[in-house]
Structure formats: C-alpha cells, structure tokens
Amino acid sequence: MPGRVKAVLADLDDTLFDHRHATRTALGRLAEAQPAFAVWPAEELARRHAEILEVLHLEVLSGRRTIAEARTERFARLLAAAGSNGDPARVRQAADVYRVAYETAWRPVAGTHGLLAALAERRLPVAIVTNNKTEEQRRKLKRIGLDGQVAALVTSEEVGLSKPDRRIFDAALERVGVRADEAVMLGDGWATDVNGARGAGIAVVWLNRFGLASPDASVPELTSLEPADVALERLGIELREGRASARPPGS
C-alpha cells in the first residue's frame, strides 16, 4: 500500500485515449466501403478485427513488422476471413479507409482532461506507460490535447520491454522520480496494467469502462474517469489543507 501518492502512472489506449471509439468508428466506415464485411454483424467484425490486431501488434512490438506492414497484413487477413478476394489494391483500400477514419475519430476517454487537470492542481506528475511505438503515442497525445498534461511518455519501443514486465514500470518511476510505494497505476488491461503494476510493487486501480467481470475483487475499480473527485478518491488522492495526500487506492 502506498503512503503519500507522489505520481500517477497511466496506460494510454482505452484508459486516457478512447481507442475503442476510434476503432468502432473506423470499422463502421470500412463496412460501408467494403461490402465483403457485410457477412458479419458489427460486433462480429469488431471481434475478428481485435483478434487479428492483437496478434499483429505483438509482432510490431517485437520489431518483426512495421506498423504499416502490420496494418496491410491485418486487412489482408480480415478480407480473407470474409471470403473476399484480397488482391493488393483491395487490401490497400481497406487499410487506407480504416486508417483515415480511425485517426479522424481520435478523442480522449470522457473525463480525462478533468482528471489530469485535477492532478496538475495537486502538482502530481503523470507518466504514460504504454505498449506501443513512441511516435504513434506522441501523435495521439498531441491530437487529443494531452501532450502538455503528462510529465513523461514511457513506451515499450523506447524501453525495449513491454508490460507486464516490471522494468517498464521501473523506467516510468525513474522518469518522474518516485519510488514504487509513492505511485499508483491506472489502466484498463488486467494482464498488462494490473498484473504488471502489482508485480512492480505499485498500487493499481483498474479502469473497467465496459462492465467486465473482475478477476480479483480486491483490486480497486473505476468505471469512469468522471467526476474527477471520485476518480481521485479511488486513486487514493484527496486534498487536505491545500496539499495532495493519499490513502490506499479504493479505501
């Protein structure tokens, strides 16, 4: 359990950046542009896309593919699964349609700006800890207006290690100059964020926006980042006599 919280670590995708919204919006646009995907209802298309994305994302993180190569391969596999002729032109069109729509739909998770502003008022730095390419995550932060609200961006590409490896969390702690027992981690991924932070000795709060069953009820949980005072309290942060202080997350 932490004493006084001196820094917050946070995941980016589907914690502060609304990846699910951008993905679902882009898949809807893709289904309109590519009739082959009408073979599946929207939820099935999203499920199949997520499965392929997860496999190829690991290849990107390991350096076996570039982001562009993985994107092309993703839609080649998706078209093949839909029983469509995956000729290069069709694959390229699908990838382009998706990417444009995905970036157009970029937005923060509701409540993100309010929470980060409240943390800034308390002079608590925020470090992003993310499994992705550095430039991709920088672009997201800038587009959704968070680049000036985070003290550090720590990526798996930069560190050479991915969550849940404790060493990426150690790198984030070093960047903001705090010990593990002086930080709290906020993230939506159980295997990556919750287990990773706990393995590094960091208190953690699970962001469960989609109503999933908790694998461990002892882990404090948030279903939304708003209102900010509720999120702060769950993170173990409150304002006492004008200073930031903390109690164990979820207490």
C-alpha atoms as a PDB file:
ATOM      1  CA  MET A   1       0.000   0.000   0.000  1.00  0.00           C
ATOM      2  CA  PRO A   2       1.301   3.486  -0.816  1.00  0.00           C
ATOM      3  CA  GLY A   3       1.876   6.186   1.694  1.00  0.00           C
ATOM      4  CA  ARG A   4       1.558   9.569   0.105  1.00  0.00           C
ATOM      5  CA  VAL A   5       0.936   9.373  -3.634  1.00  0.00           C
ATOM      6  CA  LYS A   6       3.531  11.488  -5.419  1.00  0.00           C
ATOM      7  CA  ALA A   7       2.876  10.410  -9.032  1.00  0.00           C
ATOM      8  CA  VAL A   8       0.310   8.646 -11.180  1.00  0.00           C
ATOM      9  CA  LEU A   9       1.219   6.155 -13.884  1.00  0.00           C
ATOM     10  CA  ALA A  10      -1.397   5.572 -16.563  1.00  0.00           C
ATOM     11  CA  ASP A  11      -1.953   3.432 -19.592  1.00  0.00           C
ATOM     12  CA  LEU A  12      -2.906   5.299 -22.765  1.00  0.00           C
ATOM     13  CA  ASP A  13      -5.089   3.222 -25.108  1.00  0.00           C
ATOM     14  CA  ASP A  14      -8.586   2.793 -23.649  1.00  0.00           C
ATOM     15  CA  THR A  15      -7.507   4.456 -20.411  1.00  0.00           C
ATOM     16  CA  LEU A  16      -6.903   8.068 -21.440  1.00  0.00           C
ATOM     17  CA  PHE A  17      -7.217   7.710 -25.230  1.00  0.00           C
ATOM     18  CA  ASP A  18     -10.534   6.265 -26.487  1.00  0.00           C
ATOM     19  CA  HIS A  19      -9.160   3.543 -28.737  1.00  0.00           C
ATOM     20  CA  ARG A  20     -12.413   1.573 -28.720  1.00  0.00           C
ATOM     21  CA  HIS A  21     -14.421   4.520 -30.035  1.00  0.00           C
ATOM     22  CA  ALA A  22     -11.907   5.213 -32.801  1.00  0.00           C
ATOM     23  CA  THR A  23     -11.768   1.538 -33.762  1.00  0.00           C
ATOM     24  CA  ARG A  24     -15.531   1.046 -33.851  1.00  0.00           C
ATOM     25  CA  THR A  25     -15.989   4.242 -35.859  1.00  0.00           C
ATOM     26  CA  ALA A  26     -13.334   3.156 -38.366  1.00  0.00           C
ATOM     27  CA  LEU A  27     -14.786  -0.340 -38.706  1.00  0.00           C
ATOM     28  CA  GLY A  28     -18.204   1.151 -39.424  1.00  0.00           C
ATOM     29  CA  ARG A  29     -16.724   3.247 -42.195  1.00  0.00           C
ATOM     30  CA  LEU A  30     -14.845   0.221 -43.511  1.00  0.00           C
ATOM     31  CA  ALA A  31     -18.014  -1.879 -43.661  1.00  0.00           C
ATOM     32  CA  GLU A  32     -19.635   0.840 -45.745  1.00  0.00           C
ATOM     33  CA  ALA A  33     -16.691   0.963 -48.150  1.00  0.00           C
ATOM     34  CA  GLN A  34     -16.107  -2.794 -48.383  1.00  0.00           C
ATOM     35  CA  PRO A  35     -19.361  -4.776 -48.940  1.00  0.00           C
ATOM     36  CA  ALA A  36     -17.468  -8.004 -48.208  1.00  0.00           C
ATOM     37  CA  PHE A  37     -17.685  -7.226 -44.490  1.00  0.00           C
ATOM     38  CA  ALA A  38     -21.494  -7.262 -44.592  1.00  0.00           C
ATOM     39  CA  VAL A  39     -21.167 -11.007 -43.991  1.00  0.00           C
ATOM     40  CA  TRP A  40     -20.758 -10.194 -40.277  1.00  0.00           C
ATOM     41  CA  PRO A  41     -22.744  -8.033 -37.865  1.00  0.00           C
ATOM     42  CA  ALA A  42     -20.820  -5.102 -36.401  1.00  0.00           C
ATOM     43  CA  GLU A  43     -19.895  -6.899 -33.168  1.00  0.00           C
ATOM     44  CA  GLU A  44     -18.512  -9.896 -35.034  1.00  0.00           C
ATOM     45  CA  LEU A  45     -16.454  -7.678 -37.312  1.00  0.00           C
ATOM     46  CA  ALA A  46     -15.077  -5.877 -34.255  1.00  0.00           C
ATOM     47  CA  ARG A  47     -14.248  -9.172 -32.537  1.00  0.00           C
ATOM     48  CA  ARG A  48     -12.429 -10.613 -35.549  1.00  0.00           C
ATOM     49  CA  HIS A  49     -10.563  -7.373 -36.150  1.00  0.00           C
ATOM     50  CA  ALA A  50      -9.477  -7.212 -32.487  1.00  0.00           C
ATOM     51  CA  GLU A  51      -8.149 -10.778 -32.580  1.00  0.00           C
ATOM     52  CA  ILE A  52      -6.039 -10.133 -35.671  1.00  0.00           C
ATOM     53  CA  LEU A  53      -4.891  -6.748 -34.369  1.00  0.00           C
ATOM     54  CA  GLU A  54      -3.693  -8.275 -31.091  1.00  0.00           C
ATOM     55  CA  VAL A  55      -1.586 -10.909 -32.859  1.00  0.00           C
ATOM     56  CA  LEU A  56      -0.009  -8.446 -35.268  1.00  0.00           C
ATOM     57  CA  HIS A  57       0.513  -5.793 -32.593  1.00  0.00           C
ATOM     58  CA  LEU A  58       2.812  -8.218 -30.790  1.00  0.00           C
ATOM     59  CA  GLU A  59       4.805  -8.586 -33.995  1.00  0.00           C
ATOM     60  CA  VAL A  60       5.111  -4.806 -34.227  1.00  0.00           C
ATOM     61  CA  LEU A  61       6.298  -4.592 -30.625  1.00  0.00           C
ATOM     62  CA  SER A  62       8.880  -7.294 -31.254  1.00  0.00           C
ATOM     63  CA  GLY A  63      10.172  -5.490 -34.354  1.00  0.00           C
ATOM     64  CA  ARG A  64       9.158  -8.250 -36.778  1.00  0.00           C
ATOM     65  CA  ARG A  65       6.828  -5.888 -38.662  1.00  0.00           C
ATOM     66  CA  THR A  66       6.445  -2.162 -39.073  1.00  0.00           C
ATOM     67  CA  ILE A  67       3.112  -0.551 -38.218  1.00  0.00           C
ATOM     68  CA  ALA A  68       2.384  -0.108 -41.920  1.00  0.00           C
ATOM     69  CA  GLU A  69       3.226  -3.737 -42.711  1.00  0.00           C
ATOM     70  CA  ALA A  70       1.065  -4.979 -39.864  1.00  0.00           C
ATOM     71  CA  ARG A  71      -1.837  -2.809 -40.984  1.00  0.00           C
ATOM     72  CA  THR A  72      -1.682  -4.201 -44.520  1.00  0.00           C
ATOM     73  CA  GLU A  73      -1.481  -7.767 -43.226  1.00  0.00           C
ATOM     74  CA  ARG A  74      -4.373  -7.138 -40.827  1.00  0.00           C
ATOM     75  CA  PHE A  75      -6.766  -6.239 -43.595  1.00  0.00           C
ATOM     76  CA  ALA A  76      -5.494  -8.964 -45.905  1.00  0.00           C
ATOM     77  CA  ARG A  77      -6.390 -11.493 -43.193  1.00  0.00           C
ATOM     78  CA  LEU A  78      -9.714  -9.833 -42.434  1.00  0.00           C
ATOM     79  CA  LEU A  79     -10.747  -9.803 -46.098  1.00  0.00           C
ATOM     80  CA  ALA A  80      -9.695 -13.426 -46.492  1.00  0.00           C
ATOM     81  CA  ALA A  81     -11.763 -14.400 -43.450  1.00  0.00           C
ATOM     82  CA  ALA A  82     -14.756 -12.638 -45.009  1.00  0.00           C
ATOM     83  CA  GLY A  83     -14.313 -14.737 -48.155  1.00  0.00           C
ATOM     84  CA  SER A  84     -13.251 -11.790 -50.275  1.00  0.00           C
ATOM     85  CA  ASN A  85     -10.606 -11.577 -52.956  1.00  0.00           C
ATOM     86  CA  GLY A  86      -7.729  -9.976 -51.099  1.00  0.00           C
ATOM     87  CA  ASP A  87      -5.876  -8.540 -54.064  1.00  0.00           C
ATOM     88  CA  PRO A  88      -3.304  -5.857 -53.155  1.00  0.00           C
ATOM     89  CA  ALA A  89      -5.440  -2.958 -54.369  1.00  0.00           C
ATOM     90  CA  ARG A  90      -8.439  -4.063 -52.294  1.00  0.00           C
ATOM     91  CA  VAL A  91      -6.281  -4.623 -49.216  1.00  0.00           C
ATOM     92  CA  ARG A  92      -4.630  -1.232 -49.626  1.00  0.00           C
ATOM     93  CA  GLN A  93      -8.002   0.480 -49.986  1.00  0.00           C
ATOM     94  CA  ALA A  94      -9.344  -1.218 -46.857  1.00  0.00           C
ATOM     95  CA  ALA A  95      -6.254  -0.234 -44.871  1.00  0.00           C
ATOM     96  CA  ASP A  96      -6.429   3.364 -46.077  1.00  0.00           C
ATOM     97  CA  VAL A  97     -10.158   3.744 -45.376  1.00  0.00           C
ATOM     98  CA  TYR A  98      -9.733   2.351 -41.893  1.00  0.00           C
ATOM     99  CA  ARG A  99      -6.701   4.460 -41.014  1.00  0.00           C
ATOM    100  CA  VAL A 100      -8.235   7.753 -42.137  1.00  0.00           C
ATOM    101  CA  ALA A 101     -11.449   7.048 -40.243  1.00  0.00           C
ATOM    102  CA  TYR A 102      -9.552   5.848 -37.171  1.00  0.00           C
ATOM    103  CA  GLU A 103      -7.445   8.996 -36.911  1.00  0.00           C
ATOM    104  CA  THR A 104     -10.430  11.252 -37.589  1.00  0.00           C
ATOM    105  CA  ALA A 105     -12.224   9.676 -34.616  1.00  0.00           C
ATOM    106  CA  TRP A 106      -9.394  10.182 -32.111  1.00  0.00           C
ATOM    107  CA  ARG A 107     -10.639  11.568 -28.795  1.00  0.00           C
ATOM    108  CA  PRO A 108      -9.813  11.268 -25.092  1.00  0.00           C
ATOM    109  CA  VAL A 109     -11.772   8.981 -22.806  1.00  0.00           C
ATOM    110  CA  ALA A 110     -14.512  11.039 -21.153  1.00  0.00           C
ATOM    111  CA  GLY A 111     -13.190  12.729 -18.032  1.00  0.00           C
ATOM    112  CA  THR A 112      -9.509  12.538 -18.986  1.00  0.00           C
ATOM    113  CA  HIS A 113      -8.895  16.282 -19.194  1.00  0.00           C
ATOM    114  CA  GLY A 114     -10.684  16.922 -15.922  1.00  0.00           C
ATOM    115  CA  LEU A 115      -8.728  14.238 -14.098  1.00  0.00           C
ATOM    116  CA  LEU A 116      -5.365  15.395 -15.442  1.00  0.00           C
ATOM    117  CA  ALA A 117      -6.211  18.996 -14.589  1.00  0.00           C
ATOM    118  CA  ALA A 118      -7.065  17.946 -11.027  1.00  0.00           C
ATOM    119  CA  LEU A 119      -3.764  16.077 -10.754  1.00  0.00           C
ATOM    120  CA  ALA A 120      -1.902  19.114 -12.098  1.00  0.00           C
ATOM    121  CA  GLU A 121      -3.547  21.311  -9.466  1.00  0.00           C
ATOM    122  CA  ARG A 122      -2.124  18.973  -6.848  1.00  0.00           C
ATOM    123  CA  ARG A 123       1.283  19.002  -8.562  1.00  0.00           C
ATOM    124  CA  LEU A 124       1.167  15.257  -9.141  1.00  0.00           C
ATOM    125  CA  PRO A 125       3.023  14.248 -12.324  1.00  0.00           C
ATOM    126  CA  VAL A 126       1.503  11.735 -14.734  1.00  0.00           C
ATOM    127  CA  ALA A 127       3.624   9.227 -16.628  1.00  0.00           C
ATOM    128  CA  ILE A 128       2.123   7.301 -19.533  1.00  0.00           C
ATOM    129  CA  VAL A 129       3.223   3.647 -19.622  1.00  0.00           C
ATOM    130  CA  THR A 130       2.243   2.088 -22.943  1.00  0.00           C
ATOM    131  CA  ASN A 131       2.959  -0.905 -25.153  1.00  0.00           C
ATOM    132  CA  ASN A 132       3.331   0.814 -28.495  1.00  0.00           C
ATOM    133  CA  LYS A 133       5.565   2.815 -30.775  1.00  0.00           C
ATOM    134  CA  THR A 134       6.716   6.148 -29.405  1.00  0.00           C
ATOM    135  CA  GLU A 135       5.787   8.318 -32.380  1.00  0.00           C
ATOM    136  CA  GLU A 136       2.303   6.810 -32.649  1.00  0.00           C
ATOM    137  CA  GLN A 137       1.583   7.550 -28.999  1.00  0.00           C
ATOM    138  CA  ARG A 138       3.036  11.051 -29.200  1.00  0.00           C
ATOM    139  CA  ARG A 139       0.706  11.813 -32.104  1.00  0.00           C
ATOM    140  CA  LYS A 140      -2.289  10.623 -30.103  1.00  0.00           C
ATOM    141  CA  LEU A 141      -1.351  12.717 -27.091  1.00  0.00           C
ATOM    142  CA  LYS A 142      -0.884  15.814 -29.220  1.00  0.00           C
ATOM    143  CA  ARG A 143      -4.082  15.321 -31.240  1.00  0.00           C
ATOM    144  CA  ILE A 144      -6.292  14.916 -28.176  1.00  0.00           C
ATOM    145  CA  GLY A 145      -4.603  17.731 -26.271  1.00  0.00           C
ATOM    146  CA  LEU A 146      -2.802  15.730 -23.606  1.00  0.00           C
ATOM    147  CA  ASP A 147       0.813  16.329 -24.595  1.00  0.00           C
ATOM    148  CA  GLY A 148       1.101  19.293 -22.236  1.00  0.00           C
ATOM    149  CA  GLN A 149      -0.572  17.442 -19.366  1.00  0.00           C
ATOM    150  CA  VAL A 150       1.775  14.474 -18.980  1.00  0.00           C
ATOM    151  CA  ALA A 151       5.233  14.604 -17.464  1.00  0.00           C
ATOM    152  CA  ALA A 152       6.600  11.546 -19.250  1.00  0.00           C
ATOM    153  CA  LEU A 153       5.771   9.124 -22.058  1.00  0.00           C
ATOM    154  CA  VAL A 154       7.348   5.714 -21.496  1.00  0.00           C
ATOM    155  CA  THR A 155       6.824   3.292 -24.377  1.00  0.00           C
ATOM    156  CA  SER A 156       7.746  -0.328 -24.913  1.00  0.00           C
ATOM    157  CA  GLU A 157       9.665   0.745 -28.016  1.00  0.00           C
ATOM    158  CA  GLU A 158      11.794   3.160 -26.004  1.00  0.00           C
ATOM    159  CA  VAL A 159      12.471   0.802 -23.103  1.00  0.00           C
ATOM    160  CA  GLY A 160      12.742  -2.359 -25.180  1.00  0.00           C
ATOM    161  CA  LEU A 161      10.322  -4.164 -22.870  1.00  0.00           C
ATOM    162  CA  SER A 162       6.544  -4.492 -22.760  1.00  0.00           C
ATOM    163  CA  LYS A 163       4.036  -4.533 -19.948  1.00  0.00           C
ATOM    164  CA  PRO A 164       3.644  -6.568 -17.768  1.00  0.00           C
ATOM    165  CA  ASP A 165       7.459  -6.655 -17.429  1.00  0.00           C
ATOM    166  CA  ARG A 166       8.161  -4.738 -14.226  1.00  0.00           C
ATOM    167  CA  ARG A 167      11.139  -2.983 -15.776  1.00  0.00           C
ATOM    168  CA  ILE A 168       8.962  -0.728 -17.945  1.00  0.00           C
ATOM    169  CA  PHE A 169       7.195   0.397 -14.754  1.00  0.00           C
ATOM    170  CA  ASP A 170      10.559   0.907 -13.077  1.00  0.00           C
ATOM    171  CA  ALA A 171      11.576   3.126 -16.009  1.00  0.00           C
ATOM    172  CA  ALA A 172       8.418   5.215 -15.567  1.00  0.00           C
ATOM    173  CA  LEU A 173       9.030   5.601 -11.842  1.00  0.00           C
ATOM    174  CA  GLU A 174      12.558   6.780 -12.569  1.00  0.00           C
ATOM    175  CA  ARG A 175      11.303   9.327 -15.097  1.00  0.00           C
ATOM    176  CA  VAL A 176       9.065  11.002 -12.515  1.00  0.00           C
ATOM    177  CA  GLY A 177      11.461  10.485  -9.608  1.00  0.00           C
ATOM    178  CA  VAL A 178       9.351   8.430  -7.227  1.00  0.00           C
ATOM    179  CA  ARG A 179       9.503   5.008  -5.567  1.00  0.00           C
ATOM    180  CA  ALA A 180       7.025   2.235  -6.268  1.00  0.00           C
ATOM    181  CA  ASP A 181       5.244   2.840  -2.950  1.00  0.00           C
ATOM    182  CA  GLU A 182       4.779   6.513  -3.851  1.00  0.00           C
ATOM    183  CA  ALA A 183       2.876   5.852  -7.091  1.00  0.00           C
ATOM    184  CA  VAL A 184      -0.439   4.461  -8.263  1.00  0.00           C
ATOM    185  CA  MET A 185      -1.130   2.910 -11.682  1.00  0.00           C
ATOM    186  CA  LEU A 186      -4.371   3.459 -13.622  1.00  0.00           C
ATOM    187  CA  GLY A 187      -5.082   1.130 -16.532  1.00  0.00           C
ATOM    188  CA  ASP A 188      -7.725  -0.919 -18.315  1.00  0.00           C
ATOM    189  CA  GLY A 189      -5.642  -4.001 -19.145  1.00  0.00           C
ATOM    190  CA  TRP A 190      -5.681  -6.690 -16.485  1.00  0.00           C
ATOM    191  CA  ALA A 191      -2.732  -8.743 -17.710  1.00  0.00           C
ATOM    192  CA  THR A 192      -0.636  -5.746 -18.727  1.00  0.00           C
ATOM    193  CA  ASP A 193      -1.578  -2.948 -16.326  1.00  0.00           C
ATOM    194  CA  VAL A 194      -2.938  -4.608 -13.200  1.00  0.00           C
ATOM    195  CA  ASN A 195      -0.625  -7.591 -13.037  1.00  0.00           C
ATOM    196  CA  GLY A 196       2.322  -5.571 -14.299  1.00  0.00           C
ATOM    197  CA  ALA A 197       1.947  -2.810 -11.734  1.00  0.00           C
ATOM    198  CA  ARG A 198       1.390  -5.253  -8.880  1.00  0.00           C
ATOM    199  CA  GLY A 199       4.491  -7.160  -9.950  1.00  0.00           C
ATOM    200  CA  ALA A 200       6.449  -3.904  -9.704  1.00  0.00           C
ATOM    201  CA  GLY A 201       5.123  -3.184  -6.219  1.00  0.00           C
ATOM    202  CA  ILE A 202       2.863  -0.354  -7.387  1.00  0.00           C
ATOM    203  CA  ALA A 203      -0.708   0.129  -6.164  1.00  0.00           C
ATOM    204  CA  VAL A 204      -3.161  -0.128  -9.039  1.00  0.00           C
ATOM    205  CA  VAL A 205      -6.695   0.919  -9.924  1.00  0.00           C
ATOM    206  CA  TRP A 206      -8.424  -0.974 -12.738  1.00  0.00           C
ATOM    207  CA  LEU A 207     -10.416   1.146 -15.198  1.00  0.00           C
ATOM    208  CA  ASN A 208     -13.371  -1.024 -16.179  1.00  0.00           C
ATOM    209  CA  ARG A 209     -15.452   1.110 -18.546  1.00  0.00           C
ATOM    210  CA  PHE A 210     -17.105  -1.853 -20.244  1.00  0.00           C
ATOM    211  CA  GLY A 211     -18.533  -3.730 -17.279  1.00  0.00           C
ATOM    212  CA  LEU A 212     -16.227  -6.741 -17.348  1.00  0.00           C
ATOM    213  CA  ALA A 213     -16.095  -9.267 -14.516  1.00  0.00           C
ATOM    214  CA  SER A 214     -13.173  -8.582 -12.210  1.00  0.00           C
ATOM    215  CA  PRO A 215     -10.653 -11.422 -11.849  1.00  0.00           C
ATOM    216  CA  ASP A 216      -9.855 -10.164  -8.347  1.00  0.00           C
ATOM    217  CA  ALA A 217     -12.394  -8.178  -6.356  1.00  0.00           C
ATOM    218  CA  SER A 218      -9.685  -6.888  -4.029  1.00  0.00           C
ATOM    219  CA  VAL A 219      -8.336  -4.632  -6.804  1.00  0.00           C
ATOM    220  CA  PRO A 220      -9.903  -1.134  -6.641  1.00  0.00           C
ATOM    221  CA  GLU A 221     -12.013  -0.378  -9.691  1.00  0.00           C
ATOM    222  CA  LEU A 222     -13.237   2.671 -11.573  1.00  0.00           C
ATOM    223  CA  THR A 223     -15.987   2.549 -14.184  1.00  0.00           C
ATOM    224  CA  SER A 224     -15.428   6.129 -15.346  1.00  0.00           C
ATOM    225  CA  LEU A 225     -12.896   8.944 -15.036  1.00  0.00           C
ATOM    226  CA  GLU A 226     -15.630  11.405 -14.185  1.00  0.00           C
ATOM    227  CA  PRO A 227     -16.375  13.124 -11.969  1.00  0.00           C
ATOM    228  CA  ALA A 228     -12.733  13.850 -11.236  1.00  0.00           C
ATOM    229  CA  ASP A 229     -13.146  13.952  -7.462  1.00  0.00           C
ATOM    230  CA  VAL A 230     -14.489  10.393  -7.452  1.00  0.00           C
ATOM    231  CA  ALA A 231     -11.593   9.214  -9.624  1.00  0.00           C
ATOM    232  CA  LEU A 232      -9.117  10.985  -7.346  1.00  0.00           C
ATOM    233  CA  GLU A 233     -10.604   9.375  -4.278  1.00  0.00           C
ATOM    234  CA  ARG A 234     -10.423   5.914  -5.807  1.00  0.00           C
ATOM    235  CA  LEU A 235      -6.812   6.549  -6.760  1.00  0.00           C
ATOM    236  CA  GLY A 236      -6.161   7.354  -3.116  1.00  0.00           C
ATOM    237  CA  ILE A 237      -5.713  11.083  -3.676  1.00  0.00           C
ATOM    238  CA  GLU A 238      -7.533  13.780  -1.779  1.00  0.00           C
ATOM    239  CA  LEU A 239      -6.962  17.421  -0.854  1.00  0.00           C
ATOM    240  CA  ARG A 240      -6.159  18.067   2.772  1.00  0.00           C
ATOM    241  CA  GLU A 241      -5.176  21.514   3.977  1.00  0.00           C
ATOM    242  CA  GLY A 242      -4.221  22.525   0.454  1.00  0.00           C
ATOM    243  CA  ARG A 243      -1.788  19.657  -0.100  1.00  0.00           C
ATOM    244  CA  ALA A 244      -2.023  16.431  -2.014  1.00  0.00           C
ATOM    245  CA  SER A 245      -2.178  13.442   0.283  1.00  0.00           C
ATOM    246  CA  ALA A 246      -3.265   9.865  -0.132  1.00  0.00           C
ATOM    247  CA  ARG A 247      -4.694   6.786   1.367  1.00  0.00           C
ATOM    248  CA  PRO A 248      -4.617   3.287  -0.168  1.00  0.00           C
ATOM    249  CA  PRO A 249      -6.498   3.185  -3.504  1.00  0.00           C
ATOM    250  CA  GLY A 250     -10.111   2.168  -3.085  1.00  0.00           C
ATOM    251  CA  SER A 251     -10.170   2.666   0.677  1.00  0.00           C
END
